[in-house]
Amino acid sequence: MIKNAKFLDSKNLSNYEWHEQIRFPAQLDKEELISLQFIERGNKMSF
């Protein structure tokens, strides 16, 4: 599906600039977002 979307650049969170305006739900923190652990637990995420 991602290949079909034909995104121009591949992006990841390793060089993302985190700042204090970013808010996470109480049950999720930055490390869980980066590791995608919330998916393994079956939790949903929306932005």
N, C-alpha and C. Protein backbone atom coordinates (compact mmCIF):
# COMPACT_ATOMS: atom_id res chain seq x y z
N MET A 1 0.82 -1.19 0.00
CA MET A 1 0.00 0.00 0.00
C MET A 1 0.88 1.26 0.00
N ILE A 2 1.94 1.26 0.78
CA ILE A 2 2.81 2.43 0.83
C ILE A 2 3.49 2.66 -0.52
N LYS A 3 3.90 1.58 -1.18
CA LYS A 3 4.52 1.73 -2.50
C LYS A 3 3.53 2.33 -3.49
N ASN A 4 2.27 1.96 -3.39
CA ASN A 4 1.25 2.50 -4.29
C ASN A 4 1.01 3.98 -4.05
N ALA A 5 1.26 4.45 -2.83
CA ALA A 5 1.05 5.86 -2.51
C ALA A 5 2.10 6.75 -3.19
N LYS A 6 3.24 6.17 -3.55
CA LYS A 6 4.31 6.88 -4.24
C LYS A 6 4.80 8.12 -3.49
N PHE A 7 5.07 7.93 -2.20
CA PHE A 7 5.63 9.02 -1.42
C PHE A 7 7.00 9.39 -1.99
N LEU A 8 7.33 10.66 -2.00
CA LEU A 8 8.58 11.11 -2.58
C LEU A 8 9.78 10.78 -1.70
N ASP A 9 9.64 10.92 -0.40
CA ASP A 9 10.75 10.71 0.53
C ASP A 9 10.36 9.71 1.60
N SER A 10 11.32 8.91 2.00
CA SER A 10 11.12 8.01 3.12
C SER A 10 11.42 8.79 4.40
N LYS A 11 10.55 8.73 5.37
CA LYS A 11 10.72 9.48 6.61
C LYS A 11 10.66 8.52 7.79
N ASN A 12 11.35 8.87 8.86
CA ASN A 12 11.25 8.12 10.10
C ASN A 12 11.33 9.09 11.27
N LEU A 13 11.21 8.59 12.47
CA LEU A 13 11.17 9.46 13.64
C LEU A 13 12.55 9.71 14.26
N SER A 14 13.59 9.11 13.72
CA SER A 14 14.91 9.24 14.34
C SER A 14 15.45 10.67 14.30
N ASN A 15 15.09 11.44 13.29
CA ASN A 15 15.58 12.82 13.23
C ASN A 15 14.45 13.85 13.38
N TYR A 16 13.33 13.41 13.92
CA TYR A 16 12.20 14.31 14.16
C TYR A 16 12.52 15.26 15.31
N GLU A 17 12.17 16.51 15.19
CA GLU A 17 12.41 17.49 16.24
C GLU A 17 11.22 17.51 17.20
N TRP A 18 11.38 16.84 18.34
CA TRP A 18 10.33 16.80 19.35
C TRP A 18 10.35 18.12 20.12
N HIS A 19 9.19 18.68 20.37
CA HIS A 19 9.11 19.92 21.14
C HIS A 19 7.95 19.82 22.12
N GLU A 20 7.89 20.76 23.05
CA GLU A 20 6.92 20.66 24.14
C GLU A 20 5.47 20.84 23.71
N GLN A 21 5.21 21.29 22.50
CA GLN A 21 3.83 21.42 22.04
C GLN A 21 3.22 20.09 21.64
N ILE A 22 4.04 19.05 21.52
CA ILE A 22 3.54 17.73 21.17
C ILE A 22 2.99 17.08 22.42
N ARG A 23 1.75 16.65 22.36
CA ARG A 23 1.08 16.03 23.51
C ARG A 23 0.72 14.59 23.16
N PHE A 24 0.96 13.69 24.10
CA PHE A 24 0.62 12.29 23.93
C PHE A 24 -0.54 11.93 24.84
N PRO A 25 -1.38 10.98 24.44
CA PRO A 25 -2.41 10.49 25.35
C PRO A 25 -1.75 9.92 26.61
N ALA A 26 -2.47 9.88 27.71
CA ALA A 26 -1.91 9.44 28.99
C ALA A 26 -1.28 8.05 28.91
N GLN A 27 -1.85 7.16 28.12
CA GLN A 27 -1.36 5.78 28.05
C GLN A 27 -0.21 5.60 27.06
N LEU A 28 0.28 6.68 26.43
CA LEU A 28 1.31 6.57 25.40
C LEU A 28 2.40 7.60 25.65
N ASP A 29 3.65 7.18 25.48
CA ASP A 29 4.76 8.13 25.57
C ASP A 29 5.59 8.06 24.29
N LYS A 30 6.59 8.89 24.21
CA LYS A 30 7.40 9.01 23.00
C LYS A 30 8.04 7.67 22.62
N GLU A 31 8.58 6.95 23.60
CA GLU A 31 9.25 5.68 23.32
C GLU A 31 8.27 4.65 22.76
N GLU A 32 7.04 4.61 23.29
CA GLU A 32 6.05 3.67 22.77
C GLU A 32 5.64 4.04 21.35
N LEU A 33 5.56 5.32 21.07
CA LEU A 33 5.22 5.75 19.70
C LEU A 33 6.32 5.33 18.72
N ILE A 34 7.56 5.57 19.08
CA ILE A 34 8.68 5.23 18.21
C ILE A 34 8.79 3.73 18.00
N SER A 35 8.58 2.95 19.06
CA SER A 35 8.73 1.49 18.96
C SER A 35 7.48 0.80 18.39
N LEU A 36 6.38 1.54 18.28
CA LEU A 36 5.10 1.01 17.79
C LEU A 36 4.50 -0.04 18.72
N GLN A 37 4.86 -0.01 20.00
CA GLN A 37 4.33 -0.96 20.98
C GLN A 37 2.81 -0.86 21.10
N PHE A 38 2.26 0.31 20.89
CA PHE A 38 0.82 0.47 21.01
C PHE A 38 0.08 -0.39 19.99
N ILE A 39 0.70 -0.67 18.86
CA ILE A 39 0.08 -1.53 17.84
C ILE A 39 0.05 -2.97 18.34
N GLU A 40 1.16 -3.42 18.93
CA GLU A 40 1.22 -4.78 19.46
C GLU A 40 0.16 -5.01 20.53
N ARG A 41 -0.14 -3.98 21.31
CA ARG A 41 -1.16 -4.09 22.35
C ARG A 41 -2.58 -3.96 21.79
N GLY A 42 -2.68 -3.57 20.54
CA GLY A 42 -4.00 -3.44 19.92
C GLY A 42 -4.64 -2.08 20.14
N ASN A 43 -3.86 -1.11 20.61
CA ASN A 43 -4.39 0.25 20.81
C ASN A 43 -4.40 0.99 19.49
N LYS A 44 -5.30 1.91 19.36
CA LYS A 44 -5.40 2.71 18.14
C LYS A 44 -4.80 4.09 18.39
N MET A 45 -4.29 4.70 17.34
CA MET A 45 -3.71 6.02 17.43
C MET A 45 -4.26 6.87 16.31
N SER A 46 -4.63 8.08 16.64
CA SER A 46 -5.06 9.02 15.60
C SER A 46 -4.37 10.34 15.83
N PHE A 47 -4.09 11.04 14.76
CA PHE A 47 -3.41 12.32 14.84
C PHE A 47 -4.31 13.40 14.31
